[in-house]
N, C-alpha and C. Protein backbone atom coordinates (compact mmCIF):
# COMPACT_ATOMS: atom_id res chain seq x y z
N UNK A 1 39.45 51.42 74.49
CA UNK A 1 39.34 52.96 74.10
C UNK A 1 38.63 53.27 75.44
N UNK A 2 37.75 53.18 75.56
CA UNK A 2 36.89 53.37 76.37
C UNK A 2 36.99 53.34 78.15
N UNK A 3 37.91 52.00 78.09
CA UNK A 3 38.24 51.44 79.80
C UNK A 3 39.76 51.64 79.69
N UNK A 4 40.20 52.24 79.52
CA UNK A 4 41.49 52.44 79.88
C UNK A 4 42.54 51.16 80.67
N UNK A 5 41.71 50.83 81.84
CA UNK A 5 42.03 50.33 82.60
C UNK A 5 42.08 48.45 82.42
N UNK A 6 41.49 48.06 80.97
CA UNK A 6 41.38 47.00 80.36
C UNK A 6 42.62 46.88 79.43
N UNK A 7 43.15 46.02 79.29
CA UNK A 7 44.39 45.80 78.62
C UNK A 7 44.42 44.36 78.08
N UNK A 8 45.26 44.51 76.65
CA UNK A 8 44.74 43.17 76.22
C UNK A 8 46.03 42.85 75.43
N UNK A 9 46.85 41.39 75.45
CA UNK A 9 47.92 41.09 74.86
C UNK A 9 47.58 39.58 74.68
N UNK A 10 48.57 38.57 74.12
CA UNK A 10 48.28 37.40 73.80
C UNK A 10 49.45 36.62 73.94
N UNK A 11 49.12 35.46 73.67
CA UNK A 11 50.26 34.41 73.57
C UNK A 11 49.92 33.47 72.29
N UNK A 12 50.29 32.20 71.89
CA UNK A 12 49.99 31.90 70.53
C UNK A 12 48.50 31.55 69.99
N UNK A 13 47.56 31.04 69.04
CA UNK A 13 46.77 31.04 68.63
C UNK A 13 45.57 32.11 69.47
N UNK A 14 44.74 31.27 69.95
CA UNK A 14 44.05 31.80 70.21
C UNK A 14 43.80 31.80 71.95
N UNK A 15 45.20 31.98 72.07
CA UNK A 15 45.24 32.54 73.82
C UNK A 15 46.13 33.78 73.91
N UNK A 16 44.78 34.09 75.34
CA UNK A 16 45.00 36.00 75.43
C UNK A 16 45.43 35.84 76.72
N UNK A 17 45.87 37.30 76.88
CA UNK A 17 46.14 37.62 78.22
C UNK A 17 45.59 39.44 78.58
N UNK A 18 45.07 38.97 79.53
CA UNK A 18 44.29 40.42 80.08
C UNK A 18 44.20 40.93 81.41
N UNK A 19 44.01 42.43 81.36
CA UNK A 19 44.18 43.22 82.66
C UNK A 19 43.21 43.67 82.80
N UNK A 20 42.51 43.93 84.17
CA UNK A 20 41.20 44.80 84.20
C UNK A 20 41.74 45.98 85.15
N UNK A 21 43.31 46.05 85.38
CA UNK A 21 43.46 47.10 86.44
C UNK A 21 44.56 47.95 86.05
N UNK A 22 44.76 48.15 84.72
CA UNK A 22 45.76 48.76 83.89
C UNK A 22 47.41 47.80 84.45
N UNK A 23 47.13 47.02 84.03
CA UNK A 23 48.41 45.90 84.50
C UNK A 23 48.84 45.48 85.35
N UNK A 24 48.64 45.89 86.74
CA UNK A 24 48.73 45.66 87.90
C UNK A 24 49.12 43.75 88.05
N UNK A 25 47.69 43.32 87.18
CA UNK A 25 47.56 42.00 87.02
C UNK A 25 47.08 41.63 86.04
N UNK A 26 47.29 40.19 85.43
CA UNK A 26 47.28 39.76 84.24
C UNK A 26 46.57 38.21 84.77
N UNK A 27 45.42 38.12 83.56
CA UNK A 27 44.92 36.81 83.86
C UNK A 27 44.81 36.40 82.34
N UNK A 28 44.50 34.90 82.19
CA UNK A 28 44.24 34.10 81.05
C UNK A 28 43.14 34.04 80.45
N UNK A 29 43.02 33.79 79.33
CA UNK A 29 41.86 33.59 78.28
C UNK A 29 42.40 32.36 77.33
N UNK A 30 42.71 31.09 77.53
CA UNK A 30 43.34 30.14 76.70
C UNK A 30 42.38 29.64 76.28
N UNK A 31 41.70 29.43 74.95
CA UNK A 31 40.40 29.41 74.22
C UNK A 31 40.95 28.01 73.43
N UNK A 32 42.03 28.29 72.64
CA UNK A 32 42.70 27.38 71.48
C UNK A 32 44.03 27.40 71.60
N UNK A 33 45.24 26.44 71.81
CA UNK A 33 46.55 25.82 71.55
C UNK A 33 46.63 25.59 70.24
N UNK A 34 45.33 25.41 69.28
CA UNK A 34 46.25 24.81 67.51
C UNK A 34 44.82 25.84 66.42
N UNK A 35 44.03 26.48 67.15
CA UNK A 35 43.28 27.07 66.36
C UNK A 35 43.57 28.48 65.83
N UNK A 36 43.81 29.02 64.85
CA UNK A 36 44.42 30.14 64.18
C UNK A 36 45.28 30.06 63.66
N UNK A 37 46.59 31.39 64.01
CA UNK A 37 47.73 31.42 63.24
C UNK A 37 48.50 31.37 64.58
N UNK A 38 49.92 30.67 64.53
CA UNK A 38 50.95 30.63 65.66
C UNK A 38 50.96 31.88 65.99
N UNK A 39 51.33 33.52 65.44
CA UNK A 39 51.30 34.59 65.85
C UNK A 39 49.78 35.30 65.14
N UNK A 40 48.50 35.61 66.08
CA UNK A 40 47.40 35.41 65.63
C UNK A 40 46.93 36.77 65.34
N UNK A 41 46.37 37.24 64.57
CA UNK A 41 45.62 38.66 64.58
C UNK A 41 44.43 39.20 65.32
N UNK A 42 44.13 40.17 65.92
CA UNK A 42 42.95 39.79 66.84
C UNK A 42 42.94 41.24 66.79
N UNK A 43 41.91 41.81 66.96
CA UNK A 43 41.57 43.55 66.99
C UNK A 43 40.34 43.47 67.95
N UNK A 44 39.82 44.83 69.43
CA UNK A 44 39.03 44.59 69.82
C UNK A 44 38.14 45.72 69.33
N UNK A 45 36.86 45.46 69.82
CA UNK A 45 36.04 46.17 68.96
C UNK A 45 35.89 46.95 70.58
N UNK A 46 35.96 48.32 71.14
CA UNK A 46 35.65 48.66 72.00
C UNK A 46 34.67 49.25 72.31
N UNK A 47 34.15 49.47 71.66
CA UNK A 47 32.54 49.88 71.67
C UNK A 47 31.62 48.64 72.47
N UNK A 48 31.79 47.48 71.59
CA UNK A 48 31.07 46.60 71.90
C UNK A 48 31.49 45.53 73.03
N UNK A 49 32.74 45.67 72.99
CA UNK A 49 33.76 44.75 73.79
C UNK A 49 33.70 43.43 73.54
N UNK A 50 34.05 43.55 72.36
CA UNK A 50 34.13 42.15 70.90
C UNK A 50 35.25 42.36 70.97
N UNK A 51 36.44 40.94 71.17
CA UNK A 51 37.55 40.67 70.33
C UNK A 51 37.42 39.91 68.98
N UNK A 52 37.95 40.22 68.25
CA UNK A 52 38.18 39.17 66.68
C UNK A 52 39.24 38.90 66.39
N UNK A 53 39.49 37.91 65.72
CA UNK A 53 40.61 36.91 65.63
C UNK A 53 40.46 36.21 64.83
N UNK A 54 41.64 35.64 64.41
CA UNK A 54 41.68 34.65 63.49
C UNK A 54 40.99 33.13 63.53
N UNK A 55 40.67 32.17 63.18
CA UNK A 55 40.31 30.68 63.05
C UNK A 55 41.00 30.54 62.06
N UNK A 56 40.74 28.93 62.03
CA UNK A 56 41.03 28.20 60.70
C UNK A 56 40.24 28.68 59.40
N UNK A 57 40.88 28.04 58.96
CA UNK A 57 40.45 28.72 57.04
C UNK A 57 38.75 29.00 57.32
N UNK A 58 38.47 29.83 56.30
CA UNK A 58 37.05 30.14 56.40
C UNK A 58 36.03 30.14 57.50
N UNK A 59 36.62 30.69 58.59
CA UNK A 59 35.82 31.50 59.82
C UNK A 59 36.78 32.11 60.34
N UNK A 60 36.30 32.54 61.95
CA UNK A 60 37.07 33.61 62.25
C UNK A 60 36.39 33.33 63.83
N UNK A 61 37.02 34.11 64.78
CA UNK A 61 37.17 34.11 65.73
C UNK A 61 35.97 35.10 66.93
N UNK A 62 35.22 34.99 67.20
CA UNK A 62 34.42 36.59 68.15
C UNK A 62 34.60 35.82 69.38
N UNK A 63 35.14 36.99 70.28
CA UNK A 63 35.11 36.51 71.59
C UNK A 63 33.96 37.76 72.72
N UNK A 64 32.73 37.40 72.78
CA UNK A 64 32.31 38.35 73.21
C UNK A 64 32.57 38.66 74.63
N UNK A 65 31.82 40.04 74.77
CA UNK A 65 32.27 40.37 76.73
C UNK A 65 33.65 40.50 76.93
N UNK A 66 34.14 40.48 76.38
CA UNK A 66 35.76 40.72 76.45
C UNK A 66 36.21 41.87 77.33
N UNK A 67 36.97 41.67 78.41
CA UNK A 67 38.13 40.85 78.18
C UNK A 67 37.53 39.53 79.19
N UNK A 68 35.69 39.79 80.03
CA UNK A 68 35.64 38.61 81.30
C UNK A 68 35.03 37.35 80.48
N UNK A 69 34.49 38.04 79.34
CA UNK A 69 33.60 36.61 78.87
C UNK A 69 34.77 35.19 78.70
N UNK A 70 33.97 34.01 78.83
CA UNK A 70 34.35 33.26 79.21
C UNK A 70 34.57 32.26 78.00
N UNK A 71 33.86 32.84 77.22
CA UNK A 71 33.50 31.47 75.92
C UNK A 71 33.64 32.20 74.52
N UNK A 72 34.03 31.39 73.96
CA UNK A 72 34.17 31.91 72.54
C UNK A 72 33.69 31.30 71.35
N UNK A 73 33.75 31.91 70.40
CA UNK A 73 33.36 30.71 69.19
C UNK A 73 33.79 31.24 67.60
N UNK A 74 33.84 29.91 67.03
CA UNK A 74 34.16 29.88 65.64
C UNK A 74 32.69 30.23 64.65
N UNK A 75 33.22 31.29 63.86
CA UNK A 75 32.45 31.79 62.95
C UNK A 75 32.40 31.32 61.51
N UNK A 76 31.72 30.84 60.77
CA UNK A 76 32.43 30.14 59.38
C UNK A 76 31.30 31.32 58.79
N UNK A 77 32.14 31.09 57.23
CA UNK A 77 32.09 32.72 56.47
C UNK A 77 31.99 31.67 55.13
N UNK A 78 30.83 31.70 54.48
CA UNK A 78 30.42 30.60 53.83
C UNK A 78 31.31 30.91 52.32
N UNK A 79 31.83 32.14 52.13
CA UNK A 79 32.40 32.49 50.82
C UNK A 79 33.74 32.76 51.15
N UNK A 80 34.25 32.87 52.13
CA UNK A 80 35.87 32.58 52.40
C UNK A 80 36.23 31.49 52.57
N UNK A 81 37.29 30.78 51.45
CA UNK A 81 37.49 29.56 51.98
C UNK A 81 39.11 29.81 52.25
N UNK A 82 39.82 30.75 52.45
CA UNK A 82 41.01 31.23 53.14
C UNK A 82 40.63 31.39 54.40
N UNK A 83 42.42 31.50 55.14
CA UNK A 83 42.16 31.69 56.65
C UNK A 83 42.79 33.51 56.59
N UNK A 84 42.06 34.00 57.44
CA UNK A 84 42.27 35.46 57.91
C UNK A 84 43.52 35.76 58.81
N UNK A 85 44.10 36.87 57.97
CA UNK A 85 45.21 36.86 58.09
C UNK A 85 45.76 38.58 58.80
N UNK A 86 44.32 39.81 58.51
CA UNK A 86 44.07 40.79 59.18
C UNK A 86 42.80 41.39 59.42
N UNK A 87 42.87 42.45 60.31
CA UNK A 87 41.54 42.42 60.95
C UNK A 87 41.29 44.07 60.96
N UNK A 88 40.45 44.40 60.63
CA UNK A 88 40.35 45.79 61.08
C UNK A 88 38.65 46.44 61.51
N UNK A 89 38.62 47.09 62.47
CA UNK A 89 37.13 47.04 63.22
C UNK A 89 36.71 48.58 62.74
N UNK A 90 35.59 48.94 62.30
CA UNK A 90 35.29 50.17 62.20
C UNK A 90 34.89 51.06 63.29
N UNK A 91 35.85 52.58 62.75
CA UNK A 91 35.24 53.44 64.09
C UNK A 91 33.88 54.59 64.18
N UNK A 92 33.22 54.16 62.89
CA UNK A 92 32.39 54.64 61.81
C UNK A 92 31.02 54.05 62.04
N UNK A 93 30.77 52.85 61.72
CA UNK A 93 29.63 51.80 61.60
C UNK A 93 30.10 50.97 62.36
N UNK A 94 28.44 50.41 63.63
CA UNK A 94 28.82 50.23 64.79
C UNK A 94 28.81 48.67 63.90
N UNK A 95 29.78 47.53 64.70
CA UNK A 95 29.51 46.32 64.54
C UNK A 95 30.19 45.45 62.73
N UNK A 96 31.05 46.66 62.08
CA UNK A 96 31.45 46.43 60.75
C UNK A 96 33.15 45.70 61.19
N UNK A 97 33.07 44.88 60.42
CA UNK A 97 34.37 44.58 60.63
C UNK A 97 35.59 43.69 59.21
N UNK A 98 36.54 44.39 59.10
CA UNK A 98 36.88 43.94 57.75
C UNK A 98 37.96 42.58 58.33
N UNK A 99 38.06 41.60 57.18
CA UNK A 99 38.65 40.48 57.21
C UNK A 99 39.68 40.63 55.87
N UNK A 100 40.50 40.40 56.20
CA UNK A 100 41.73 40.14 54.74
C UNK A 100 42.25 38.45 55.14
N UNK A 101 42.57 38.35 53.85
CA UNK A 101 42.99 36.66 54.06
C UNK A 101 43.95 36.30 53.62
N UNK A 102 45.04 35.39 54.50
CA UNK A 102 46.21 35.21 53.66
C UNK A 102 47.00 33.51 53.29
N UNK A 103 47.85 33.37 53.61
CA UNK A 103 48.14 31.39 53.45
C UNK A 103 47.89 30.86 54.51
N UNK A 104 46.86 30.01 54.19
CA UNK A 104 46.60 28.76 55.29
C UNK A 104 47.63 28.44 55.67
N UNK A 105 48.12 28.56 57.11
CA UNK A 105 49.07 28.12 57.79
C UNK A 105 49.11 26.93 57.96
N UNK A 106 47.89 26.14 58.00
CA UNK A 106 48.16 24.73 58.11
C UNK A 106 48.81 24.01 57.18
N UNK A 107 48.57 24.37 55.95
CA UNK A 107 48.73 23.61 54.37
C UNK A 107 49.92 24.64 53.63
N UNK A 108 49.77 26.13 53.80
CA UNK A 108 50.70 26.78 53.04
C UNK A 108 49.72 27.26 51.78
N UNK A 109 48.53 26.57 51.48
CA UNK A 109 47.69 27.24 50.39
C UNK A 109 47.29 28.10 50.23
N UNK A 110 47.52 29.14 49.01
CA UNK A 110 47.18 30.36 48.73
C UNK A 110 45.78 30.60 48.09
N UNK A 111 44.72 29.41 48.16
CA UNK A 111 44.12 29.33 47.26
C UNK A 111 43.00 30.27 48.07
N UNK A 112 41.96 31.09 47.78
CA UNK A 112 41.13 32.09 47.97
C UNK A 112 42.37 33.09 49.41
N UNK A 113 43.52 33.19 48.97
CA UNK A 113 43.97 34.08 49.37
C UNK A 113 43.84 35.64 48.89
N UNK A 114 44.58 36.85 49.66
CA UNK A 114 44.72 38.13 48.86
C UNK A 114 43.34 38.71 48.66
N UNK A 115 42.15 38.48 49.81
CA UNK A 115 40.76 38.89 49.55
C UNK A 115 40.64 39.64 50.81
N UNK A 116 39.71 40.93 50.66
CA UNK A 116 39.08 41.49 52.03
C UNK A 116 37.72 40.99 51.98
N UNK A 117 37.37 40.58 52.73
CA UNK A 117 35.31 40.94 53.07
C UNK A 117 35.21 41.77 54.40
N UNK A 118 34.14 42.19 54.16
CA UNK A 118 33.03 43.14 55.22
C UNK A 118 32.31 42.49 55.92
N UNK A 119 31.80 41.79 57.15
CA UNK A 119 31.09 41.68 58.31
C UNK A 119 30.05 42.59 58.72
N UNK A 120 29.23 42.56 58.01
CA UNK A 120 28.13 43.18 58.60
C UNK A 120 27.29 42.71 59.96
N UNK A 121 26.79 43.84 61.03
CA UNK A 121 26.41 42.82 62.16
C UNK A 121 27.51 41.82 62.37
N UNK A 122 28.90 42.30 62.49
CA UNK A 122 29.80 41.31 62.93
C UNK A 122 29.01 40.61 64.52
N UNK A 123 28.92 41.32 65.03
CA UNK A 123 28.28 40.92 66.83
C UNK A 123 27.14 39.62 66.63
N UNK A 124 26.20 39.41 65.58
CA UNK A 124 25.27 38.98 65.26
C UNK A 124 25.60 37.89 64.27
N UNK A 125 26.34 37.91 63.15
CA UNK A 125 26.68 37.42 62.33
C UNK A 125 26.62 36.24 62.82
N UNK A 126 25.69 35.35 61.68
CA UNK A 126 25.32 33.71 62.08
C UNK A 126 26.71 32.85 61.45
N UNK A 127 26.82 32.19 62.14
CA UNK A 127 28.08 31.04 61.53
C UNK A 127 27.32 30.32 59.94
N UNK A 128 28.05 30.12 58.76
CA UNK A 128 27.75 30.00 58.37
C UNK A 128 26.71 30.69 57.04
N UNK A 129 26.98 32.58 57.23
CA UNK A 129 26.50 33.14 56.10
C UNK A 129 27.49 33.69 55.46
N UNK A 130 27.28 34.88 54.04
CA UNK A 130 27.93 35.17 53.45
C UNK A 130 28.32 36.56 54.13
N UNK A 131 29.65 36.52 53.98
CA UNK A 131 30.00 38.00 54.11
C UNK A 131 30.09 38.94 52.47
N UNK A 132 30.07 40.49 52.66
CA UNK A 132 30.32 41.08 51.34
C UNK A 132 31.76 41.03 50.88
N UNK A 133 32.20 40.54 50.34
CA UNK A 133 33.89 40.35 49.19
C UNK A 133 33.97 41.87 48.84
N UNK A 134 34.98 42.26 49.16
CA UNK A 134 35.67 43.65 48.49
C UNK A 134 36.59 43.70 47.90
N UNK A 135 37.27 42.90 47.29
CA UNK A 135 38.35 42.23 46.58
C UNK A 135 38.92 43.18 45.11
N UNK A 136 38.35 43.37 44.45
CA UNK A 136 38.45 44.17 43.02
C UNK A 136 39.69 44.82 43.07
N UNK A 137 40.85 44.48 42.38
CA UNK A 137 42.06 45.57 42.13
C UNK A 137 42.82 44.27 43.29
N UNK A 138 42.78 43.60 43.90
CA UNK A 138 43.44 43.34 44.86
C UNK A 138 44.24 41.92 44.42
N UNK A 139 45.60 41.89 44.64
CA UNK A 139 45.96 40.60 44.14
C UNK A 139 45.67 39.39 44.83
N UNK A 140 45.66 38.32 43.82
CA UNK A 140 44.93 37.25 44.12
C UNK A 140 46.19 36.42 44.62
N UNK A 141 45.79 35.48 45.73
CA UNK A 141 47.18 34.77 46.37
C UNK A 141 48.11 35.18 47.65
N UNK A 142 47.60 36.83 47.29
CA UNK A 142 48.89 37.33 48.69
C UNK A 142 48.76 37.33 49.74
N UNK A 143 49.50 37.97 50.54
CA UNK A 143 49.20 37.91 51.71
C UNK A 143 48.38 39.10 52.69
N UNK A 144 47.73 39.14 53.03
CA UNK A 144 47.06 40.67 53.35
C UNK A 144 47.73 40.95 54.71
N UNK A 145 48.28 41.70 54.26
CA UNK A 145 49.18 42.02 56.32
C UNK A 145 48.42 42.70 57.20
N UNK A 146 47.60 44.29 56.74
CA UNK A 146 46.97 44.56 57.36
C UNK A 146 45.91 45.65 56.75
N UNK A 147 44.79 46.11 57.30
CA UNK A 147 44.03 46.91 56.87
C UNK A 147 43.72 47.70 57.96
N UNK A 148 43.42 49.20 57.16
CA UNK A 148 43.18 50.76 58.16
C UNK A 148 42.61 51.13 57.54
N UNK A 149 41.66 51.68 58.40
CA UNK A 149 40.62 53.09 57.80
C UNK A 149 40.80 54.38 58.10
N UNK A 150 40.60 55.07 57.07
CA UNK A 150 40.97 56.43 56.82
C UNK A 150 40.07 57.22 57.40
N UNK A 151 39.68 58.61 57.20
CA UNK A 151 38.43 59.36 57.99
C UNK A 151 37.08 58.99 57.64
N UNK A 152 36.87 57.22 57.01
CA UNK A 152 35.36 57.40 56.36
C UNK A 152 35.54 55.79 56.65
N UNK A 153 34.23 54.89 56.32
CA UNK A 153 34.19 53.91 56.11
C UNK A 153 34.53 53.79 54.52
N UNK A 154 35.06 54.50 53.82
CA UNK A 154 34.59 54.47 52.58
C UNK A 154 36.15 54.68 51.87
N UNK A 155 36.98 54.82 53.02
CA UNK A 155 38.82 55.47 53.05
C UNK A 155 39.48 54.11 53.34
N UNK A 156 39.81 53.14 52.77
CA UNK A 156 40.74 52.60 53.22
C UNK A 156 42.46 52.35 53.05
N UNK A 157 43.03 51.60 53.31
CA UNK A 157 44.11 51.00 52.72
C UNK A 157 44.70 49.86 53.33
N UNK A 158 45.48 48.96 52.19
CA UNK A 158 46.03 47.53 53.15
C UNK A 158 47.24 47.27 52.52
N UNK A 159 47.56 46.58 53.04
CA UNK A 159 49.15 46.23 52.88
C UNK A 159 49.46 44.53 52.52
N UNK A 160 49.96 44.77 51.75
CA UNK A 160 50.41 42.36 51.27
C UNK A 160 52.23 42.71 51.68
N UNK A 161 52.28 41.49 52.46
CA UNK A 161 53.75 41.08 52.70
C UNK A 161 54.10 40.35 51.34
N UNK A 162 54.14 39.88 50.45
CA UNK A 162 54.67 39.39 49.63
C UNK A 162 55.74 39.88 48.55
N UNK A 163 56.40 39.05 48.13
CA UNK A 163 57.26 39.40 47.22
C UNK A 163 56.56 39.65 45.90
N UNK A 164 57.20 40.72 45.14
CA UNK A 164 56.75 40.24 43.52
C UNK A 164 55.01 40.55 43.11
N UNK A 165 54.72 41.68 43.93
CA UNK A 165 53.27 42.20 44.65
C UNK A 165 53.49 43.23 44.50
N UNK A 166 51.85 44.01 44.35
CA UNK A 166 51.84 45.23 45.09
C UNK A 166 51.84 45.04 46.41
N UNK A 167 52.19 45.82 47.37
CA UNK A 167 52.33 46.25 48.79
C UNK A 167 51.91 47.06 49.14
N UNK A 168 50.96 47.72 48.84
CA UNK A 168 49.94 49.22 49.25
C UNK A 168 49.05 49.40 48.77
N UNK A 169 47.57 49.38 49.28
CA UNK A 169 46.49 49.39 47.92
C UNK A 169 45.62 50.29 48.80
N UNK A 170 44.95 51.48 47.82
CA UNK A 170 43.69 52.21 48.72
C UNK A 170 42.47 51.65 47.82
N UNK A 171 41.64 51.98 48.59
CA UNK A 171 39.91 52.50 47.79
C UNK A 171 39.55 53.79 48.47
N UNK A 172 38.81 54.02 47.42
CA UNK A 172 38.17 55.72 48.32
C UNK A 172 36.43 55.22 47.87
N UNK A 173 36.01 53.94 47.80
CA UNK A 173 34.73 53.74 47.36
C UNK A 173 34.19 52.42 48.57
N UNK A 174 35.04 52.41 49.34
CA UNK A 174 34.60 51.11 50.39
C UNK A 174 34.94 49.63 50.44
N UNK A 175 35.97 49.46 49.31
CA UNK A 175 36.31 48.60 48.74
C UNK A 175 35.83 48.15 47.13
N UNK A 176 34.84 49.23 46.53
CA UNK A 176 34.50 48.53 45.79
C UNK A 176 35.43 48.26 44.32
N UNK A 177 35.92 49.12 44.52
CA UNK A 177 37.50 49.09 43.48
C UNK A 177 39.23 49.30 44.48
N UNK A 178 40.24 48.90 44.47
CA UNK A 178 41.30 49.24 45.29
C UNK A 178 42.67 49.50 44.16
N UNK A 179 43.25 50.37 44.20
CA UNK A 179 44.32 50.97 43.47
C UNK A 179 45.74 51.12 43.92
N UNK A 180 46.32 50.02 42.97
CA UNK A 180 47.86 49.81 43.80
C UNK A 180 48.47 51.30 43.62
N UNK A 181 49.30 51.72 45.37
CA UNK A 181 50.02 53.19 45.22
C UNK A 181 51.47 52.57 45.71
N UNK A 182 51.97 51.34 45.68
CA UNK A 182 53.13 51.24 46.04
C UNK A 182 53.94 52.02 45.70
N UNK A 183 54.08 52.52 44.53
CA UNK A 183 55.05 53.73 44.25
C UNK A 183 56.39 53.16 43.93
N UNK A 184 57.24 54.21 44.95
CA UNK A 184 59.03 54.18 44.68
C UNK A 184 59.19 52.97 45.24
N UNK A 185 58.35 52.53 46.32
CA UNK A 185 58.81 51.79 47.52
C UNK A 185 59.54 50.03 47.32
N UNK A 186 60.62 49.69 47.63
CA UNK A 186 61.31 48.49 46.99
C UNK A 186 59.94 46.90 46.74
N UNK A 187 60.59 45.98 46.33
CA UNK A 187 60.18 45.05 46.29
C UNK A 187 60.44 44.05 47.33
N UNK A 188 59.49 44.19 48.42
CA UNK A 188 59.66 43.62 49.99
C UNK A 188 58.58 43.78 50.73
N UNK A 189 58.39 42.93 51.32
CA UNK A 189 57.23 42.97 51.80
C UNK A 189 56.84 44.07 53.07
N UNK A 190 55.53 44.49 53.27
CA UNK A 190 54.88 45.31 53.86
C UNK A 190 54.06 44.76 54.89
N UNK A 191 54.79 44.96 56.32
CA UNK A 191 53.78 44.42 57.38
C UNK A 191 52.67 45.12 57.69
N UNK A 192 52.51 46.70 57.49
CA UNK A 192 51.76 47.30 58.28
C UNK A 192 51.47 48.62 57.14
N UNK A 193 50.14 49.48 57.29
CA UNK A 193 50.04 50.82 56.80
C UNK A 193 49.25 51.08 57.07
N UNK A 194 49.03 52.71 57.58
CA UNK A 194 47.88 53.40 58.09
C UNK A 194 47.84 54.66 57.71
N UNK A 195 46.73 55.15 57.42
CA UNK A 195 46.73 56.78 56.99
C UNK A 195 47.27 57.22 58.28
N UNK A 196 47.97 58.48 57.97
CA UNK A 196 48.22 59.86 58.69
C UNK A 196 46.80 59.88 59.62
N UNK A 197 46.60 60.79 60.70
CA UNK A 197 45.42 60.86 61.49
C UNK A 197 44.99 62.35 60.71
N UNK A 198 43.84 62.11 60.01
CA UNK A 198 42.70 63.22 59.70
C UNK A 198 43.04 63.75 58.44
N UNK A 199 43.64 62.53 57.59
CA UNK A 199 44.11 62.65 55.95
C UNK A 199 43.70 61.19 54.88
N UNK A 200 43.30 61.02 54.23
CA UNK A 200 43.56 60.11 53.30
C UNK A 200 44.45 60.21 52.25
N UNK A 201 45.45 60.86 52.42
CA UNK A 201 46.30 61.55 51.58
C UNK A 201 47.79 60.76 51.91
N UNK A 202 47.87 61.18 53.45
CA UNK A 202 49.06 61.03 54.19
C UNK A 202 49.01 59.52 54.38
N UNK A 203 50.35 58.73 54.87
CA UNK A 203 50.68 57.13 55.07
C UNK A 203 51.53 57.08 55.89
N UNK A 204 51.94 56.23 56.72
CA UNK A 204 53.01 55.75 57.06
C UNK A 204 53.12 53.95 57.02
N UNK A 205 53.60 53.96 56.68
CA UNK A 205 54.31 52.50 56.06
C UNK A 205 55.15 51.80 56.81
N UNK A 206 55.06 50.07 57.45
CA UNK A 206 55.85 49.50 58.25
C UNK A 206 56.42 48.35 57.06
N UNK A 207 57.54 48.17 57.00
CA UNK A 207 58.09 47.21 55.85
C UNK A 207 59.26 46.33 56.56
N UNK A 208 59.93 45.16 55.84
CA UNK A 208 61.12 44.62 55.95
C UNK A 208 62.32 45.19 56.33
N UNK A 209 62.39 46.70 55.71
CA UNK A 209 63.34 47.12 55.32
C UNK A 209 63.35 49.18 56.48
N UNK A 210 62.38 48.84 57.46
CA UNK A 210 62.24 50.37 58.22
C UNK A 210 60.74 50.74 57.92
N UNK A 211 60.98 52.33 58.82
CA UNK A 211 59.22 52.91 58.20
C UNK A 211 59.35 53.81 57.26
N UNK A 212 58.48 53.82 56.29
CA UNK A 212 58.45 54.68 55.22
C UNK A 212 57.31 55.61 55.41
N UNK A 213 57.03 56.88 54.72
CA UNK A 213 56.16 57.46 54.74
C UNK A 213 55.80 58.48 53.83
N UNK A 214 54.53 59.05 53.42
CA UNK A 214 53.92 59.81 52.09
C UNK A 214 53.15 60.40 52.55
N UNK A 215 52.90 62.04 52.17
CA UNK A 215 51.76 62.80 52.10
C UNK A 215 51.15 62.56 50.90
N UNK A 216 51.48 62.01 50.22
CA UNK A 216 50.71 62.04 48.56
C UNK A 216 50.70 60.40 48.09
N UNK A 217 49.59 59.56 49.16
CA UNK A 217 49.73 58.67 48.67
C UNK A 217 48.40 58.10 47.60
N UNK A 218 47.70 58.69 47.24
CA UNK A 218 46.84 58.62 46.21
C UNK A 218 46.45 59.34 44.94
N UNK A 219 48.39 60.07 44.89
CA UNK A 219 49.19 60.91 43.61
C UNK A 219 49.74 60.10 43.25
N UNK A 220 50.91 60.47 43.88
CA UNK A 220 52.28 59.51 43.66
C UNK A 220 52.75 58.55 44.33
N UNK A 221 51.53 57.54 45.21
CA UNK A 221 52.16 56.39 45.53
C UNK A 221 52.90 56.95 46.77
N UNK A 222 53.84 55.94 47.41
CA UNK A 222 54.36 55.89 48.21
C UNK A 222 56.00 56.66 47.72
């Protein structure tokens, strides 16, 4: 966001495309054609110029000095057993990253899925260290499809793409507890959810059956 000439795209797994001239030309960073997910979630910390992405079970990818940096590291999280399925970078606290988990793509295992971890000082987080789990109230074994920040680090929204599960959850205390605000949404996968700009009460939700919205997510559900 602070360097608009830099643009990012992706191929499968941890293979990326980038431009440093507003898309006039593109270059590749093909780090791995097997580690991560086939459609791999990734987020750019535009202040620190670090890309964070999914890797294999129990770890995440850190690509420093993006987009021109030529090295990538797999960072193990000692208390995370499943595979990253969603990532959010805090716009308020430097180097704070949230990791949501889902089914392990290579095995189909849901063990350890449906959790969110907060990684503090993610830019220097040592492989093998423990992150802060903030999962109370989230549906165990679910696929966390997206996480987004509201007006501060305490207000977060998460979406779940399973059937037969809560689909939209919010927290007002930084993830200490989560509340199900699925409301009158049908039982269908939710792929994305964000707060409306400047509020923690309204949201826009991308689902299997179109885009929905609400102005009262914390009181009346969707």
